[in-house]
Amino acid sequence: MHLINADLHCHSNVSDGTLTPEALAQRAHAHGVELWSLTDHDELGGQQRARDAALALGMDYLTGTEISVTFAGITVHIVGLGFDADDEALNAGLAATRSGRRERARQMAEGLAKVGITGAYEGAQRYVGNPELISRTHFARFLVESGVCADTHAVFRSYLTEGHPGFVPHGWARLGDAVRWIREAGGIAVIAHPGRYRFTPTEEYALFTEFIGHGGQAVEVMTGSHSAAEHIRYADTAIEFGLLASRGSDFHSPGESRTELGSLPDLPGRLTPVWEALQTRVQRALP
């Protein structure tokens, strides 16, 4: 089980990726993925399409989403895996989490206009597949298209993040609510890419402790934004806290994403993969 090529974190154009769920499934399959999950931000609209495409290609599938939460004043992402996508409470919670994105986007555009970047709201809209999910990534693509920055990574170094033009905070879901929605829908909650958050050691310890207290069970160890040192660090963290380990590229788009689907190193053998606890929730491709 440790050697399975599982990619349990990626995004389609239903949220802030650029590929359709079907094209994403094709790309995952072409790169050797055997167990796949589409984890669009705060949205389940692509699940059926992703599942059908995966099974048709011979890949096993787990339902997925990535929920935005606010913890200690910072946006943290919680991936849900293996849940019932028709669960009413989960769907209602995600809908509530999506609300407010448009007004936030207008405020981001106003902030960019103050430093001479006009038309950002309309420009970002050209990249939006789902108007409910307009995000910083869509603004970043517009800024690259406009020649303001060379690539989306440069955008986030100079704009749209705290202390830079275009940053607008948003009040997301509470950590306990997000974990509860996932658990009560039959899934497992996972702390996504923990190395990305700028927490102090005390704050990070509080995040993991509260997450576990609410019933969270797993952490992403192998993920596209982690360095080799962070792979080791969060493998140790998984063991320290008794958490299952997950693996996912966080792929968004060809040419933008640092890590290709299915290309991460295997989870260390000392860890228990999250999919071992989700065997009854995996939707199997026919032999």
Protein backbone atom coordinates (compact mmCIF):
# COMPACT_ATOMS: atom_id res chain seq x y z
CA MET A 1 0.00 0.00 0.00
CA HIS A 2 2.88 2.40 0.64
CA LEU A 3 3.98 2.17 -2.99
CA ILE A 4 0.63 3.11 -4.55
CA ASN A 5 0.78 6.23 -6.69
CA ALA A 6 -1.94 8.26 -4.96
CA ASP A 7 -2.54 11.93 -5.72
CA LEU A 8 -5.15 13.25 -3.31
CA HIS A 9 -4.92 17.01 -3.83
CA CYS A 10 -5.51 18.90 -7.09
CA HIS A 11 -7.84 21.47 -8.61
CA SER A 12 -9.96 21.78 -11.76
CA ASN A 13 -11.58 24.78 -13.41
CA VAL A 14 -14.58 24.22 -11.16
CA SER A 15 -12.46 26.15 -8.62
CA ASP A 16 -9.09 27.73 -9.45
CA GLY A 17 -7.46 25.19 -11.76
CA THR A 18 -7.40 25.60 -15.54
CA LEU A 19 -8.25 22.06 -16.68
CA THR A 20 -11.66 20.42 -16.70
CA PRO A 21 -12.19 17.50 -14.32
CA GLU A 22 -12.02 15.17 -17.33
CA ALA A 23 -8.75 16.65 -18.63
CA LEU A 24 -7.29 16.53 -15.14
CA ALA A 25 -8.22 12.86 -14.85
CA GLN A 26 -6.53 12.18 -18.20
CA ARG A 27 -3.38 13.97 -17.03
CA ALA A 28 -3.31 12.11 -13.72
CA HIS A 29 -3.69 8.78 -15.50
CA ALA A 30 -0.97 9.66 -18.01
CA HIS A 31 1.41 10.29 -15.10
CA GLY A 32 0.75 6.95 -13.46
CA VAL A 33 -1.75 7.92 -10.76
CA GLU A 34 -3.63 4.87 -9.46
CA LEU A 35 -5.75 6.46 -6.72
CA TRP A 36 -6.98 9.98 -7.38
CA SER A 37 -9.06 12.70 -5.77
CA LEU A 38 -10.22 16.05 -7.12
CA THR A 39 -10.18 18.53 -4.22
CA ASP A 40 -11.62 21.78 -5.54
CA HIS A 41 -11.82 24.68 -3.11
CA ASP A 42 -15.05 24.74 -1.09
CA GLU A 43 -16.90 23.05 -3.95
CA LEU A 44 -18.21 19.62 -4.97
CA GLY A 45 -19.52 20.52 -8.41
CA GLY A 46 -16.82 18.56 -10.25
CA GLN A 47 -17.02 15.36 -8.20
CA GLN A 48 -19.30 13.28 -10.41
CA ARG A 49 -17.42 14.22 -13.56
CA ALA A 50 -14.06 13.48 -11.92
CA ARG A 51 -15.25 10.14 -10.56
CA ASP A 52 -16.71 9.02 -13.89
CA ALA A 53 -13.57 10.02 -15.79
CA ALA A 54 -11.27 8.33 -13.27
CA LEU A 55 -13.15 5.04 -13.24
CA ALA A 56 -13.36 5.00 -17.05
CA LEU A 57 -9.57 5.34 -17.19
CA GLY A 58 -9.00 2.59 -14.63
CA MET A 59 -8.08 4.82 -11.69
CA ASP A 60 -9.64 4.32 -8.27
CA TYR A 61 -11.30 7.43 -6.84
CA LEU A 62 -11.93 9.16 -3.52
CA THR A 63 -14.29 12.10 -3.16
CA GLY A 64 -12.47 15.26 -2.15
CA THR A 65 -12.62 18.96 -1.37
CA GLU A 66 -10.37 21.60 0.20
CA ILE A 67 -12.09 23.78 2.77
CA SER A 68 -10.81 27.25 3.66
CA VAL A 69 -10.75 27.93 7.40
CA THR A 70 -9.46 30.78 9.55
CA PHE A 71 -7.18 29.78 12.42
CA ALA A 72 -5.24 32.27 14.54
CA GLY A 73 -5.99 34.94 11.95
CA ILE A 74 -4.44 32.91 9.11
CA THR A 75 -6.17 31.05 6.27
CA VAL A 76 -5.59 27.30 6.64
CA HIS A 77 -6.81 24.62 4.23
CA ILE A 78 -8.40 21.38 5.34
CA VAL A 79 -8.77 18.62 2.75
CA GLY A 80 -11.68 16.23 3.10
CA LEU A 81 -11.41 12.75 1.59
CA GLY A 82 -13.78 9.83 1.18
CA PHE A 83 -17.01 11.56 2.26
CA ASP A 84 -20.57 11.32 0.93
CA ALA A 85 -20.71 14.09 -1.68
CA ASP A 86 -24.49 14.33 -1.27
CA ASP A 87 -24.35 15.03 2.46
CA GLU A 88 -26.63 18.01 3.15
CA ALA A 89 -24.67 19.53 6.03
CA LEU A 90 -21.39 19.38 4.12
CA ASN A 91 -22.92 20.99 1.04
CA ALA A 92 -24.55 23.72 3.13
CA GLY A 93 -21.29 24.42 4.93
CA LEU A 94 -19.36 24.71 1.67
CA ALA A 95 -22.00 27.05 0.24
CA ALA A 96 -21.69 29.28 3.29
CA THR A 97 -17.89 29.25 2.97
CA ARG A 98 -18.11 30.31 -0.68
CA SER A 99 -20.33 33.29 0.10
CA GLY A 100 -18.60 36.63 0.18
CA ARG A 101 -15.94 35.83 -2.42
CA ARG A 102 -17.33 38.30 -4.98
CA GLU A 103 -17.32 41.24 -2.59
CA ARG A 104 -13.82 40.31 -1.47
CA ALA A 105 -12.75 40.18 -5.14
CA ARG A 106 -14.12 43.69 -5.74
CA GLN A 107 -12.15 44.96 -2.75
CA MET A 108 -9.01 43.25 -4.08
CA ALA A 109 -9.50 45.02 -7.41
CA GLU A 110 -9.91 48.35 -5.62
CA GLY A 111 -6.64 47.77 -3.80
CA LEU A 112 -4.83 47.01 -7.04
CA ALA A 113 -6.34 50.10 -8.70
CA LYS A 114 -4.79 52.26 -5.98
CA VAL A 115 -1.33 51.21 -7.21
CA GLY A 116 -2.22 51.77 -10.87
CA ILE A 117 -3.46 48.30 -11.89
CA THR A 118 -6.90 48.92 -13.37
CA GLY A 119 -9.52 46.52 -14.69
CA ALA A 120 -8.40 43.70 -12.40
CA TYR A 121 -11.88 42.51 -11.44
CA GLU A 122 -13.00 42.21 -15.05
CA GLY A 123 -9.64 40.71 -16.01
CA ALA A 124 -9.80 38.07 -13.29
CA GLN A 125 -13.34 37.18 -14.34
CA ARG A 126 -12.00 35.96 -17.69
CA TYR A 127 -10.24 33.12 -15.86
CA VAL A 128 -13.17 32.14 -13.65
CA GLY A 129 -15.01 28.92 -14.44
CA ASN A 130 -17.28 29.19 -11.39
CA PRO A 131 -18.23 32.79 -10.46
CA GLU A 132 -18.84 31.74 -6.84
CA LEU A 133 -15.17 30.81 -6.53
CA ILE A 134 -13.32 33.85 -7.84
CA SER A 135 -10.01 33.85 -6.01
CA ARG A 136 -6.52 35.31 -5.78
CA THR A 137 -5.32 32.78 -8.35
CA HIS A 138 -7.63 34.27 -10.99
CA PHE A 139 -6.26 37.75 -10.22
CA ALA A 140 -2.72 36.36 -10.43
CA ARG A 141 -3.35 35.02 -13.92
CA PHE A 142 -4.66 38.42 -15.01
CA LEU A 143 -1.55 40.16 -13.63
CA VAL A 144 0.66 37.76 -15.58
CA GLU A 145 -1.39 38.29 -18.75
CA SER A 146 -1.10 42.08 -18.26
CA GLY A 147 2.68 41.91 -17.96
CA VAL A 148 2.71 43.13 -14.36
CA CYS A 149 4.58 39.98 -13.25
CA ALA A 150 6.43 37.23 -15.08
CA ASP A 151 4.54 34.36 -13.46
CA THR A 152 1.97 33.65 -10.77
CA HIS A 153 4.66 32.92 -8.18
CA ALA A 154 6.01 36.46 -8.69
CA VAL A 155 2.48 37.84 -8.27
CA PHE A 156 2.15 36.32 -4.82
CA ARG A 157 5.56 37.66 -3.82
CA SER A 158 4.51 41.24 -4.65
CA TYR A 159 0.72 41.38 -4.56
CA LEU A 160 -2.38 39.79 -3.01
CA THR A 161 -0.69 38.60 0.20
CA GLU A 162 -0.67 40.33 3.58
CA GLY A 163 1.26 43.59 3.53
CA HIS A 164 1.03 43.92 -0.27
CA PRO A 165 -1.41 45.66 -2.65
CA GLY A 166 -4.62 43.76 -3.33
CA PHE A 167 -4.65 41.78 -0.10
CA VAL A 168 -8.08 41.51 1.50
CA PRO A 169 -8.62 39.16 4.46
CA HIS A 170 -11.66 36.93 4.47
CA GLY A 171 -13.44 35.20 7.31
CA TRP A 172 -13.63 31.56 6.34
CA ALA A 173 -15.14 28.56 8.12
CA ARG A 174 -14.10 27.64 11.64
CA LEU A 175 -11.68 24.73 11.96
CA GLY A 176 -14.05 22.70 14.11
CA ASP A 177 -16.94 23.17 11.69
CA ALA A 178 -14.89 22.09 8.66
CA VAL A 179 -13.64 18.95 10.39
CA ARG A 180 -17.16 18.15 11.63
CA TRP A 181 -18.71 18.51 8.14
CA ILE A 182 -16.16 16.07 6.74
CA ARG A 183 -16.41 13.55 9.57
CA GLU A 184 -20.20 13.53 9.71
CA ALA A 185 -20.27 12.94 5.95
CA GLY A 186 -18.18 9.80 6.50
CA GLY A 187 -14.79 11.20 5.45
CA ILE A 188 -11.38 11.96 6.91
CA ALA A 189 -10.09 15.50 7.48
CA VAL A 190 -6.49 16.30 6.48
CA ILE A 191 -4.37 19.38 7.26
CA ALA A 192 -3.22 20.50 3.81
CA HIS A 193 0.40 21.59 3.13
CA PRO A 194 1.24 22.62 6.72
CA GLY A 195 4.63 23.96 5.68
CA ARG A 196 2.94 26.87 3.87
CA TYR A 197 1.53 28.51 6.98
CA ARG A 198 3.58 31.14 8.75
CA PHE A 199 2.87 29.91 12.23
CA THR A 200 5.21 30.08 15.17
CA PRO A 201 6.03 26.66 16.67
CA THR A 202 3.49 27.36 19.41
CA GLU A 203 0.77 28.29 16.93
CA GLU A 204 1.48 25.23 14.79
CA TYR A 205 1.28 22.99 17.86
CA ALA A 206 -2.06 24.63 18.71
CA LEU A 207 -3.33 24.00 15.17
CA PHE A 208 -2.53 20.29 15.32
CA THR A 209 -3.84 19.93 18.85
CA GLU A 210 -7.15 21.64 18.10
CA PHE A 211 -7.48 19.78 14.79
CA ILE A 212 -7.13 16.44 16.56
CA GLY A 213 -9.48 17.58 19.30
CA HIS A 214 -12.18 18.14 16.69
CA GLY A 215 -11.61 14.69 15.19
CA GLY A 216 -9.06 15.44 12.46
CA GLN A 217 -7.05 12.37 11.53
CA ALA A 218 -4.42 13.12 8.87
CA VAL A 219 -1.80 15.54 7.55
CA GLU A 220 -0.31 16.06 4.09
CA VAL A 221 3.31 15.03 4.26
CA MET A 222 4.18 14.81 0.57
CA THR A 223 2.78 17.84 -1.24
CA GLY A 224 3.91 20.11 -4.04
CA SER A 225 4.88 23.11 -1.89
CA HIS A 226 6.93 21.14 0.66
CA SER A 227 10.70 21.01 0.47
CA ALA A 228 12.61 17.79 1.08
CA ALA A 229 13.29 18.99 4.63
CA GLU A 230 9.58 19.62 5.16
CA HIS A 231 8.77 16.12 3.94
CA ILE A 232 10.91 14.82 6.79
CA ARG A 233 9.60 17.37 9.28
CA TYR A 234 5.93 16.57 8.69
CA ALA A 235 6.57 12.84 8.58
CA ASP A 236 7.92 13.29 12.11
CA THR A 237 4.89 15.44 12.97
CA ALA A 238 2.52 12.74 11.73
CA ILE A 239 4.19 10.22 14.02
CA GLU A 240 4.32 12.65 16.96
CA PHE A 241 0.59 13.32 16.78
CA GLY A 242 -0.48 9.84 15.67
CA LEU A 243 -1.86 11.10 12.35
CA LEU A 244 -2.36 9.32 9.06
CA ALA A 245 -0.26 10.65 6.16
CA SER A 246 -1.51 11.98 2.85
CA ARG A 247 0.13 12.66 -0.50
CA GLY A 248 -1.03 15.19 -3.11
CA SER A 249 0.58 17.42 -5.72
CA ASP A 250 -1.77 20.42 -5.28
CA PHE A 251 -1.67 20.66 -9.07
CA HIS A 252 -3.57 23.63 -10.56
CA SER A 253 -2.36 24.16 -14.11
CA PRO A 254 0.31 23.17 -16.64
CA GLY A 255 3.04 25.79 -16.60
CA GLU A 256 2.00 27.15 -13.18
CA SER A 257 2.27 24.26 -10.78
CA ARG A 258 5.65 23.35 -9.32
CA THR A 259 4.75 19.67 -9.07
CA GLU A 260 3.18 17.42 -11.69
CA LEU A 261 0.34 15.07 -10.86
CA GLY A 262 1.61 11.73 -9.57
CA SER A 263 5.25 12.82 -9.38
CA LEU A 264 5.81 13.17 -5.62
CA PRO A 265 8.10 10.83 -3.68
CA ASP A 266 6.45 7.88 -1.95
CA LEU A 267 5.36 8.31 1.63
CA PRO A 268 8.01 7.01 4.04
CA GLY A 269 7.33 3.43 5.07
CA ARG A 270 7.16 4.39 8.74
CA LEU A 271 3.90 6.28 8.09
CA THR A 272 0.35 4.95 7.71
CA PRO A 273 -1.20 6.26 4.46
CA VAL A 274 -4.59 7.91 4.81
CA TRP A 275 -6.03 5.66 2.11
CA GLU A 276 -5.51 2.60 4.29
CA ALA A 277 -8.23 3.99 6.58
CA LEU A 278 -10.49 4.74 3.59
CA GLN A 279 -10.57 1.36 1.89
CA THR A 280 -14.35 1.08 2.20
CA ARG A 281 -14.76 4.59 0.75
CA VAL A 282 -12.58 4.08 -2.35
CA GLN A 283 -14.64 3.87 -5.53
CA ARG A 284 -12.99 1.11 -7.52
CA ALA A 285 -12.37 0.97 -11.24
CA LEU A 286 -13.39 -2.27 -12.88
CA PRO A 287 -10.51 -4.65 -13.63
